[in-house]
Amino acid sequence: MIAVLQELSPSLRPLGLSDLPEVLAIERVAYPFPWTERVLRDCIDGSYSCWAMEQAGAIVGYGILSIAVGEAQILNLCVSPERQGKGLGRLLMENLITLSRRQKAEILFLEVRASNKIAQMLYHNMGFNQIGSRRNYYPARQGREDAVLMALDLVDPNTLLV
């Protein structure tokens, strides 16, 4: 029974170039306008903090984080659509918040589609606040869509402790 529970428990590890096929497959089913292989490759090869979430030996989610000069930004966070709604997005976010704090970031930013109310609710429940918007930021089926800008104060002792 313990081996089964361990098999089902998600784990986080650095994302590598060999993970690109799995990540691209998730990108393509999760987003109407997925990141390209080149963009993902550049993130993994670059100075970004890229993480894979594995469960039962398969990548079920990933996060890409940029940290510089006391600021962190989540560039991409995705959980495979068939695994959503099981707390994996929250767990991945908690890990990215912890990594940002360990790197001495004082604030964590992210952008989310205005139509993605489920993600916005998760971020809000984790202590993020809306700080603005970017008009016509994302491509959409009918033109462009706004991005909601959110931020989490990582130094405030009242924000989510993970």
N, C-alpha and C. Protein backbone atom coordinates (compact mmCIF):
# COMPACT_ATOMS: atom_id res chain seq x y z
N MET A 1 0.82 -1.19 0.00
CA MET A 1 0.00 0.00 0.00
C MET A 1 0.86 1.26 0.00
N ILE A 2 1.94 1.26 0.77
CA ILE A 2 2.83 2.43 0.82
C ILE A 2 3.46 2.67 -0.54
N ALA A 3 3.86 1.63 -1.24
CA ALA A 3 4.46 1.78 -2.57
C ALA A 3 3.46 2.40 -3.54
N VAL A 4 2.18 2.04 -3.44
CA VAL A 4 1.15 2.61 -4.30
C VAL A 4 0.99 4.10 -4.01
N LEU A 5 0.96 4.48 -2.74
CA LEU A 5 0.83 5.88 -2.37
C LEU A 5 2.03 6.69 -2.85
N GLN A 6 3.23 6.14 -2.71
CA GLN A 6 4.42 6.84 -3.17
C GLN A 6 4.38 7.00 -4.69
N GLU A 7 3.89 5.99 -5.38
CA GLU A 7 3.79 6.05 -6.83
C GLU A 7 2.84 7.17 -7.27
N LEU A 8 1.79 7.42 -6.48
CA LEU A 8 0.81 8.42 -6.84
C LEU A 8 1.17 9.82 -6.37
N SER A 9 2.09 9.92 -5.40
CA SER A 9 2.49 11.23 -4.90
C SER A 9 3.32 11.96 -5.95
N PRO A 10 2.94 13.20 -6.27
CA PRO A 10 3.73 13.94 -7.26
C PRO A 10 5.06 14.39 -6.69
N SER A 11 6.04 14.47 -7.55
CA SER A 11 7.35 14.97 -7.15
C SER A 11 7.80 16.03 -8.15
N LEU A 12 8.70 16.89 -7.71
CA LEU A 12 9.20 17.97 -8.54
C LEU A 12 10.68 17.75 -8.81
N ARG A 13 11.08 17.98 -10.05
CA ARG A 13 12.49 17.86 -10.42
C ARG A 13 12.79 18.87 -11.52
N PRO A 14 14.07 19.20 -11.72
CA PRO A 14 14.40 20.13 -12.81
C PRO A 14 13.97 19.55 -14.16
N LEU A 15 13.49 20.43 -15.01
CA LEU A 15 13.06 20.07 -16.35
C LEU A 15 14.29 20.02 -17.25
N GLY A 16 14.40 18.98 -18.07
CA GLY A 16 15.53 18.85 -18.98
C GLY A 16 15.07 18.83 -20.43
N LEU A 17 16.02 18.98 -21.34
CA LEU A 17 15.69 18.96 -22.76
C LEU A 17 15.05 17.65 -23.18
N SER A 18 15.40 16.56 -22.53
CA SER A 18 14.80 15.26 -22.87
C SER A 18 13.31 15.21 -22.52
N ASP A 19 12.84 16.16 -21.71
CA ASP A 19 11.43 16.23 -21.33
C ASP A 19 10.57 16.98 -22.35
N LEU A 20 11.20 17.59 -23.34
CA LEU A 20 10.46 18.41 -24.30
C LEU A 20 9.28 17.71 -24.96
N PRO A 21 9.41 16.46 -25.43
CA PRO A 21 8.25 15.82 -26.06
C PRO A 21 7.03 15.75 -25.14
N GLU A 22 7.24 15.38 -23.87
CA GLU A 22 6.12 15.30 -22.93
C GLU A 22 5.53 16.68 -22.63
N VAL A 23 6.40 17.66 -22.44
CA VAL A 23 5.94 19.02 -22.14
C VAL A 23 5.18 19.59 -23.34
N LEU A 24 5.70 19.39 -24.54
CA LEU A 24 5.01 19.89 -25.73
C LEU A 24 3.65 19.22 -25.91
N ALA A 25 3.56 17.95 -25.61
CA ALA A 25 2.27 17.25 -25.71
C ALA A 25 1.24 17.87 -24.76
N ILE A 26 1.68 18.18 -23.53
CA ILE A 26 0.77 18.82 -22.56
C ILE A 26 0.41 20.22 -23.04
N GLU A 27 1.40 20.99 -23.49
CA GLU A 27 1.17 22.36 -24.00
C GLU A 27 0.09 22.35 -25.06
N ARG A 28 0.19 21.40 -25.98
CA ARG A 28 -0.72 21.38 -27.14
C ARG A 28 -2.15 21.03 -26.77
N VAL A 29 -2.34 20.24 -25.72
CA VAL A 29 -3.73 19.92 -25.33
C VAL A 29 -4.27 20.93 -24.30
N ALA A 30 -3.38 21.62 -23.60
CA ALA A 30 -3.81 22.53 -22.55
C ALA A 30 -4.12 23.94 -23.05
N TYR A 31 -3.47 24.36 -24.11
CA TYR A 31 -3.58 25.75 -24.56
C TYR A 31 -4.00 25.84 -26.02
N PRO A 32 -4.87 26.79 -26.34
CA PRO A 32 -5.22 26.98 -27.75
C PRO A 32 -4.06 27.58 -28.56
N PHE A 33 -3.15 28.27 -27.87
CA PHE A 33 -1.98 28.86 -28.50
C PHE A 33 -0.74 28.45 -27.69
N PRO A 34 -0.28 27.21 -27.85
CA PRO A 34 0.82 26.69 -27.02
C PRO A 34 2.16 27.33 -27.35
N TRP A 35 3.05 27.27 -26.37
CA TRP A 35 4.42 27.68 -26.60
C TRP A 35 5.04 26.74 -27.63
N THR A 36 6.00 27.25 -28.37
CA THR A 36 6.68 26.44 -29.37
C THR A 36 7.83 25.66 -28.73
N GLU A 37 8.29 24.67 -29.46
CA GLU A 37 9.44 23.90 -28.98
C GLU A 37 10.65 24.81 -28.78
N ARG A 38 10.84 25.74 -29.69
CA ARG A 38 11.99 26.64 -29.58
C ARG A 38 11.93 27.49 -28.32
N VAL A 39 10.75 28.03 -28.00
CA VAL A 39 10.60 28.85 -26.79
C VAL A 39 10.89 28.01 -25.55
N LEU A 40 10.32 26.82 -25.50
CA LEU A 40 10.56 25.94 -24.35
C LEU A 40 12.03 25.54 -24.26
N ARG A 41 12.63 25.22 -25.39
CA ARG A 41 14.05 24.86 -25.41
C ARG A 41 14.91 26.02 -24.90
N ASP A 42 14.61 27.23 -25.35
CA ASP A 42 15.36 28.41 -24.90
C ASP A 42 15.22 28.62 -23.39
N CYS A 43 14.04 28.36 -22.84
CA CYS A 43 13.84 28.49 -21.39
C CYS A 43 14.68 27.48 -20.63
N ILE A 44 14.67 26.24 -21.10
CA ILE A 44 15.42 25.17 -20.42
C ILE A 44 16.92 25.42 -20.56
N ASP A 45 17.36 25.85 -21.74
CA ASP A 45 18.78 26.13 -21.97
C ASP A 45 19.24 27.42 -21.31
N GLY A 46 18.31 28.32 -21.06
CA GLY A 46 18.64 29.64 -20.55
C GLY A 46 18.79 29.67 -19.04
N SER A 47 18.61 30.84 -18.51
CA SER A 47 18.82 31.04 -17.08
C SER A 47 17.52 30.94 -16.28
N TYR A 48 16.49 30.32 -16.86
CA TYR A 48 15.23 30.18 -16.16
C TYR A 48 15.23 28.95 -15.25
N SER A 49 14.40 28.99 -14.26
CA SER A 49 14.22 27.87 -13.34
C SER A 49 13.02 27.07 -13.86
N CYS A 50 13.29 25.90 -14.44
CA CYS A 50 12.26 25.09 -15.11
C CYS A 50 12.07 23.79 -14.34
N TRP A 51 10.80 23.49 -14.02
CA TRP A 51 10.50 22.36 -13.15
C TRP A 51 9.43 21.46 -13.74
N ALA A 52 9.65 20.17 -13.61
CA ALA A 52 8.68 19.17 -14.03
C ALA A 52 8.03 18.57 -12.79
N MET A 53 6.71 18.39 -12.85
CA MET A 53 6.00 17.67 -11.81
C MET A 53 5.68 16.29 -12.37
N GLU A 54 6.15 15.26 -11.67
CA GLU A 54 5.93 13.89 -12.11
C GLU A 54 4.99 13.17 -11.16
N GLN A 55 4.21 12.29 -11.74
CA GLN A 55 3.33 11.43 -10.95
C GLN A 55 3.25 10.11 -11.69
N ALA A 56 3.50 9.03 -10.98
CA ALA A 56 3.47 7.68 -11.56
C ALA A 56 4.40 7.59 -12.78
N GLY A 57 5.55 8.27 -12.71
CA GLY A 57 6.55 8.17 -13.77
C GLY A 57 6.30 9.03 -14.99
N ALA A 58 5.27 9.85 -14.99
CA ALA A 58 4.97 10.70 -16.14
C ALA A 58 4.91 12.16 -15.71
N ILE A 59 5.28 13.04 -16.62
CA ILE A 59 5.16 14.47 -16.35
C ILE A 59 3.69 14.84 -16.42
N VAL A 60 3.19 15.44 -15.35
CA VAL A 60 1.78 15.84 -15.29
C VAL A 60 1.62 17.36 -15.24
N GLY A 61 2.73 18.06 -15.08
CA GLY A 61 2.71 19.51 -15.04
C GLY A 61 4.12 20.06 -15.05
N TYR A 62 4.21 21.36 -15.22
CA TYR A 62 5.52 22.00 -15.25
C TYR A 62 5.36 23.48 -14.94
N GLY A 63 6.45 24.07 -14.51
CA GLY A 63 6.47 25.50 -14.23
C GLY A 63 7.78 26.09 -14.68
N ILE A 64 7.72 27.30 -15.21
CA ILE A 64 8.91 28.01 -15.66
C ILE A 64 8.92 29.35 -14.94
N LEU A 65 10.02 29.60 -14.27
CA LEU A 65 10.16 30.72 -13.35
C LEU A 65 11.40 31.53 -13.72
N SER A 66 11.27 32.84 -13.71
CA SER A 66 12.39 33.74 -13.91
C SER A 66 12.62 34.47 -12.59
N ILE A 67 13.87 34.48 -12.14
CA ILE A 67 14.20 35.17 -10.88
C ILE A 67 15.42 36.05 -11.13
N ALA A 68 15.27 37.35 -10.85
CA ALA A 68 16.38 38.28 -11.01
C ALA A 68 16.13 39.52 -10.16
N VAL A 69 17.17 40.02 -9.53
CA VAL A 69 17.17 41.29 -8.81
C VAL A 69 15.97 41.42 -7.86
N GLY A 70 15.75 40.39 -7.06
CA GLY A 70 14.72 40.45 -6.04
C GLY A 70 13.30 40.25 -6.54
N GLU A 71 13.13 39.96 -7.82
CA GLU A 71 11.81 39.72 -8.37
C GLU A 71 11.76 38.36 -9.06
N ALA A 72 10.61 37.73 -8.94
CA ALA A 72 10.38 36.46 -9.63
C ALA A 72 9.13 36.61 -10.49
N GLN A 73 9.11 35.86 -11.59
CA GLN A 73 7.93 35.87 -12.44
C GLN A 73 7.67 34.45 -12.94
N ILE A 74 6.44 34.01 -12.78
CA ILE A 74 6.04 32.73 -13.33
C ILE A 74 5.71 32.98 -14.79
N LEU A 75 6.48 32.36 -15.67
CA LEU A 75 6.29 32.55 -17.10
C LEU A 75 5.31 31.54 -17.68
N ASN A 76 5.29 30.35 -17.10
CA ASN A 76 4.38 29.32 -17.57
C ASN A 76 4.14 28.35 -16.43
N LEU A 77 2.90 28.00 -16.23
CA LEU A 77 2.53 27.00 -15.24
C LEU A 77 1.39 26.21 -15.85
N CYS A 78 1.57 24.91 -15.93
CA CYS A 78 0.55 24.10 -16.60
C CYS A 78 0.46 22.74 -15.95
N VAL A 79 -0.77 22.28 -15.79
CA VAL A 79 -1.06 20.91 -15.36
C VAL A 79 -1.85 20.27 -16.49
N SER A 80 -1.49 19.07 -16.83
CA SER A 80 -2.17 18.34 -17.89
C SER A 80 -3.68 18.37 -17.65
N PRO A 81 -4.48 18.71 -18.67
CA PRO A 81 -5.93 18.86 -18.47
C PRO A 81 -6.60 17.68 -17.78
N GLU A 82 -6.18 16.45 -18.07
CA GLU A 82 -6.83 15.30 -17.43
C GLU A 82 -6.45 15.15 -15.96
N ARG A 83 -5.45 15.89 -15.50
CA ARG A 83 -5.04 15.84 -14.09
C ARG A 83 -5.46 17.09 -13.32
N GLN A 84 -6.11 18.03 -13.98
CA GLN A 84 -6.52 19.26 -13.31
C GLN A 84 -7.65 18.98 -12.32
N GLY A 85 -7.77 19.87 -11.32
CA GLY A 85 -8.82 19.74 -10.33
C GLY A 85 -8.49 18.78 -9.20
N LYS A 86 -7.23 18.37 -9.11
CA LYS A 86 -6.79 17.42 -8.08
C LYS A 86 -5.77 18.03 -7.13
N GLY A 87 -5.59 19.34 -7.17
CA GLY A 87 -4.66 20.02 -6.27
C GLY A 87 -3.23 20.09 -6.78
N LEU A 88 -2.96 19.60 -7.99
CA LEU A 88 -1.59 19.61 -8.51
C LEU A 88 -1.13 21.02 -8.86
N GLY A 89 -2.03 21.85 -9.37
CA GLY A 89 -1.67 23.23 -9.67
C GLY A 89 -1.28 23.99 -8.42
N ARG A 90 -2.02 23.79 -7.35
CA ARG A 90 -1.70 24.42 -6.06
C ARG A 90 -0.33 23.94 -5.56
N LEU A 91 -0.10 22.64 -5.64
CA LEU A 91 1.18 22.08 -5.19
C LEU A 91 2.34 22.64 -6.02
N LEU A 92 2.16 22.73 -7.32
CA LEU A 92 3.19 23.29 -8.18
C LEU A 92 3.44 24.75 -7.83
N MET A 93 2.36 25.52 -7.62
CA MET A 93 2.50 26.93 -7.22
C MET A 93 3.24 27.06 -5.90
N GLU A 94 2.88 26.23 -4.92
CA GLU A 94 3.55 26.29 -3.62
C GLU A 94 5.05 26.06 -3.79
N ASN A 95 5.42 25.13 -4.64
CA ASN A 95 6.84 24.87 -4.88
C ASN A 95 7.53 26.05 -5.55
N LEU A 96 6.87 26.68 -6.52
CA LEU A 96 7.46 27.84 -7.19
C LEU A 96 7.59 29.02 -6.23
N ILE A 97 6.64 29.18 -5.34
CA ILE A 97 6.72 30.23 -4.32
C ILE A 97 7.91 29.96 -3.40
N THR A 98 8.05 28.71 -2.96
CA THR A 98 9.18 28.34 -2.10
C THR A 98 10.51 28.58 -2.80
N LEU A 99 10.62 28.19 -4.06
CA LEU A 99 11.85 28.41 -4.82
C LEU A 99 12.16 29.90 -4.95
N SER A 100 11.13 30.70 -5.16
CA SER A 100 11.33 32.15 -5.28
C SER A 100 11.85 32.73 -3.97
N ARG A 101 11.27 32.29 -2.87
CA ARG A 101 11.74 32.76 -1.55
C ARG A 101 13.18 32.33 -1.29
N ARG A 102 13.50 31.10 -1.64
CA ARG A 102 14.88 30.62 -1.42
C ARG A 102 15.90 31.43 -2.21
N GLN A 103 15.47 31.97 -3.35
CA GLN A 103 16.36 32.79 -4.17
C GLN A 103 16.29 34.27 -3.77
N LYS A 104 15.64 34.53 -2.63
CA LYS A 104 15.57 35.88 -2.04
C LYS A 104 14.72 36.85 -2.86
N ALA A 105 13.79 36.33 -3.66
CA ALA A 105 12.87 37.22 -4.37
C ALA A 105 11.92 37.82 -3.34
N GLU A 106 11.59 39.07 -3.51
CA GLU A 106 10.70 39.77 -2.59
C GLU A 106 9.27 39.84 -3.11
N ILE A 107 9.11 39.66 -4.42
CA ILE A 107 7.78 39.71 -5.03
C ILE A 107 7.73 38.72 -6.19
N LEU A 108 6.57 38.13 -6.37
CA LEU A 108 6.37 37.15 -7.43
C LEU A 108 5.23 37.63 -8.32
N PHE A 109 5.49 37.76 -9.61
CA PHE A 109 4.50 38.22 -10.58
C PHE A 109 4.03 37.07 -11.46
N LEU A 110 2.86 37.24 -12.04
CA LEU A 110 2.38 36.34 -13.08
C LEU A 110 1.34 37.06 -13.90
N GLU A 111 1.10 36.54 -15.09
CA GLU A 111 0.03 37.01 -15.96
C GLU A 111 -0.86 35.83 -16.26
N VAL A 112 -2.16 36.08 -16.37
CA VAL A 112 -3.12 35.02 -16.65
C VAL A 112 -4.19 35.58 -17.57
N ARG A 113 -4.69 34.74 -18.45
CA ARG A 113 -5.76 35.18 -19.35
C ARG A 113 -6.96 35.67 -18.54
N ALA A 114 -7.57 36.75 -18.99
CA ALA A 114 -8.74 37.29 -18.31
C ALA A 114 -9.87 36.25 -18.25
N SER A 115 -9.93 35.37 -19.22
CA SER A 115 -10.99 34.35 -19.26
C SER A 115 -10.71 33.15 -18.36
N ASN A 116 -9.50 33.04 -17.83
CA ASN A 116 -9.12 31.87 -17.02
C ASN A 116 -9.47 32.12 -15.55
N LYS A 117 -10.76 32.07 -15.28
CA LYS A 117 -11.25 32.39 -13.93
C LYS A 117 -10.81 31.35 -12.89
N ILE A 118 -10.69 30.09 -13.29
CA ILE A 118 -10.27 29.05 -12.34
C ILE A 118 -8.85 29.32 -11.85
N ALA A 119 -7.93 29.64 -12.77
CA ALA A 119 -6.56 29.96 -12.38
C ALA A 119 -6.52 31.22 -11.53
N GLN A 120 -7.27 32.23 -11.90
CA GLN A 120 -7.31 33.46 -11.12
C GLN A 120 -7.78 33.20 -9.70
N MET A 121 -8.77 32.33 -9.55
CA MET A 121 -9.27 32.00 -8.22
C MET A 121 -8.18 31.28 -7.41
N LEU A 122 -7.47 30.35 -8.03
CA LEU A 122 -6.37 29.66 -7.34
C LEU A 122 -5.33 30.67 -6.88
N TYR A 123 -4.90 31.55 -7.78
CA TYR A 123 -3.87 32.52 -7.43
C TYR A 123 -4.35 33.46 -6.32
N HIS A 124 -5.58 33.91 -6.42
CA HIS A 124 -6.13 34.77 -5.38
C HIS A 124 -6.16 34.04 -4.03
N ASN A 125 -6.60 32.78 -4.03
CA ASN A 125 -6.64 32.00 -2.80
C ASN A 125 -5.26 31.75 -2.21
N MET A 126 -4.22 31.87 -3.04
CA MET A 126 -2.86 31.68 -2.56
C MET A 126 -2.20 33.00 -2.16
N GLY A 127 -2.97 34.09 -2.19
CA GLY A 127 -2.46 35.37 -1.70
C GLY A 127 -2.09 36.37 -2.77
N PHE A 128 -2.22 36.01 -4.05
CA PHE A 128 -1.92 36.96 -5.12
C PHE A 128 -3.02 38.02 -5.20
N ASN A 129 -2.62 39.21 -5.59
CA ASN A 129 -3.55 40.31 -5.80
C ASN A 129 -3.41 40.82 -7.23
N GLN A 130 -4.53 41.23 -7.80
CA GLN A 130 -4.48 41.82 -9.13
C GLN A 130 -3.85 43.20 -9.02
N ILE A 131 -2.87 43.46 -9.88
CA ILE A 131 -2.19 44.76 -9.84
C ILE A 131 -2.35 45.54 -11.14
N GLY A 132 -2.99 44.93 -12.12
CA GLY A 132 -3.18 45.63 -13.39
C GLY A 132 -3.63 44.66 -14.46
N SER A 133 -3.58 45.16 -15.70
CA SER A 133 -3.91 44.31 -16.84
C SER A 133 -3.11 44.78 -18.05
N ARG A 134 -2.99 43.88 -19.00
CA ARG A 134 -2.36 44.20 -20.29
C ARG A 134 -3.43 43.99 -21.35
N ARG A 135 -3.81 45.06 -22.02
CA ARG A 135 -4.85 44.99 -23.05
C ARG A 135 -4.33 44.22 -24.26
N ASN A 136 -5.18 43.34 -24.76
CA ASN A 136 -4.90 42.60 -26.00
C ASN A 136 -3.55 41.85 -25.97
N TYR A 137 -3.23 41.28 -24.86
CA TYR A 137 -1.92 40.65 -24.66
C TYR A 137 -1.82 39.27 -25.32
N TYR A 138 -2.83 38.44 -25.12
CA TYR A 138 -2.80 37.07 -25.61
C TYR A 138 -3.52 36.93 -26.95
N PRO A 139 -3.01 36.06 -27.83
CA PRO A 139 -3.81 35.74 -29.03
C PRO A 139 -5.05 34.97 -28.61
N ALA A 140 -6.13 35.17 -29.34
CA ALA A 140 -7.39 34.47 -29.04
C ALA A 140 -8.04 34.09 -30.36
N ARG A 141 -9.00 33.20 -30.30
CA ARG A 141 -9.69 32.75 -31.53
C ARG A 141 -10.36 33.92 -32.25
N GLN A 142 -10.86 34.86 -31.50
CA GLN A 142 -11.52 36.03 -32.08
C GLN A 142 -10.70 37.28 -31.80
N GLY A 143 -9.46 37.32 -32.23
CA GLY A 143 -8.62 38.50 -32.04
C GLY A 143 -7.63 38.35 -30.91
N ARG A 144 -7.77 39.18 -29.89
CA ARG A 144 -6.83 39.21 -28.77
C ARG A 144 -7.60 39.19 -27.46
N GLU A 145 -6.88 38.80 -26.38
CA GLU A 145 -7.48 38.74 -25.04
C GLU A 145 -6.57 39.45 -24.05
N ASP A 146 -7.18 40.10 -23.06
CA ASP A 146 -6.42 40.80 -22.03
C ASP A 146 -5.74 39.81 -21.09
N ALA A 147 -4.64 40.26 -20.50
CA ALA A 147 -3.96 39.53 -19.44
C ALA A 147 -4.21 40.25 -18.13
N VAL A 148 -4.46 39.49 -17.08
CA VAL A 148 -4.59 40.01 -15.74
C VAL A 148 -3.22 39.87 -15.07
N LEU A 149 -2.68 40.96 -14.55
CA LEU A 149 -1.39 40.93 -13.86
C LEU A 149 -1.65 40.74 -12.38
N MET A 150 -0.91 39.80 -11.79
CA MET A 150 -1.08 39.52 -10.36
C MET A 150 0.29 39.49 -9.70
N ALA A 151 0.31 39.74 -8.40
CA ALA A 151 1.57 39.74 -7.65
C ALA A 151 1.34 39.19 -6.25
N LEU A 152 2.38 38.57 -5.74
CA LEU A 152 2.40 38.05 -4.37
C LEU A 152 3.62 38.63 -3.66
N ASP A 153 3.38 39.30 -2.54
CA ASP A 153 4.46 39.83 -1.71
C ASP A 153 5.09 38.66 -0.96
N LEU A 154 6.34 38.38 -1.24
CA LEU A 154 7.01 37.24 -0.62
C LEU A 154 7.67 37.58 0.71
N VAL A 155 7.70 38.86 1.08
CA VAL A 155 8.32 39.24 2.35
C VAL A 155 7.29 39.46 3.44
N ASP A 156 6.07 39.75 3.05
CA ASP A 156 5.00 40.00 4.00
C ASP A 156 4.72 38.71 4.78
N PRO A 157 4.87 38.75 6.11
CA PRO A 157 4.67 37.52 6.91
C PRO A 157 3.22 37.04 6.88
N ASN A 158 2.28 37.86 6.38
CA ASN A 158 0.88 37.46 6.33
C ASN A 158 0.52 36.70 5.06
N THR A 159 1.46 36.64 4.08
CA THR A 159 1.17 35.91 2.86
C THR A 159 1.39 34.42 3.09
N LEU A 160 0.89 33.63 2.16
CA LEU A 160 0.95 32.17 2.27
C LEU A 160 2.36 31.68 2.63
N LEU A 161 2.44 30.92 3.69
CA LEU A 161 3.71 30.32 4.09
C LEU A 161 3.71 28.89 3.61
N VAL A 162 4.73 28.54 2.86
CA VAL A 162 4.83 27.15 2.37
C VAL A 162 6.15 26.55 2.77
